[in-house]
Amino acid sequence: MTNHEEKSERLNIQEKAEQSEVSGSRYIFRGDDQYKDSSLGFEIGGKEAEEADIQTPWEHVSEKESYQTSRYISFSERIKMPGTRGAAFFTLKNKIIKVAWDTLKQLESEGIIKIYTPETVENLMLQQKRKVSKRATAIREEMEKNGEILIEGKIPKEILFIVNN
């Protein structure tokens, strides 16, 4: 296969992968230069999750720093979005991971993971004290701008696929 054919094939894969929208989605994406062909996240209720620096979805969205651990994993509905948004923004080495939305929904139905959409996070925040609830709309809007979906739990490596590298 020539370099041109390889590049063309890679672009075709990327185009297909980018046809994602969570409402009828096929995939969600994560830019992750540190990914090493392993599971992602911590088991729900496990010691690592309980000891993570970030314990709420809204903290993950608005306060998480790269050196902090979180019980949540960020994904995006799109590889690229206007401005500095989408999964590609979080990788310098063009390492994008994709996972099938239907497979995640199956894991959620089995209690292995929890999926947090912008609306889910907003609803959770509205149930909290005023200090948190008054930020619910802003957090939802931030997640929507980024096409962000949070996953809590351990995602098996067998369902994670590298799109670009």
Foldseek 3Di string as FASTA:
>chain_A
DDPVVVVVVLVVLQVVLQVADLVPGFKWKAADPPDDLWKDAAWVVDPCQVPFPAPAPLCVQPPDDPVGGHLKDKIARGCDDPDCAHRVNNYPQLWMKMFTSVVVVVCVVVVQKDKAALVNRLVVQCVDPPVRNVCSVVSSVSCVRRNIMMMGHIGGSVRMDTSTD
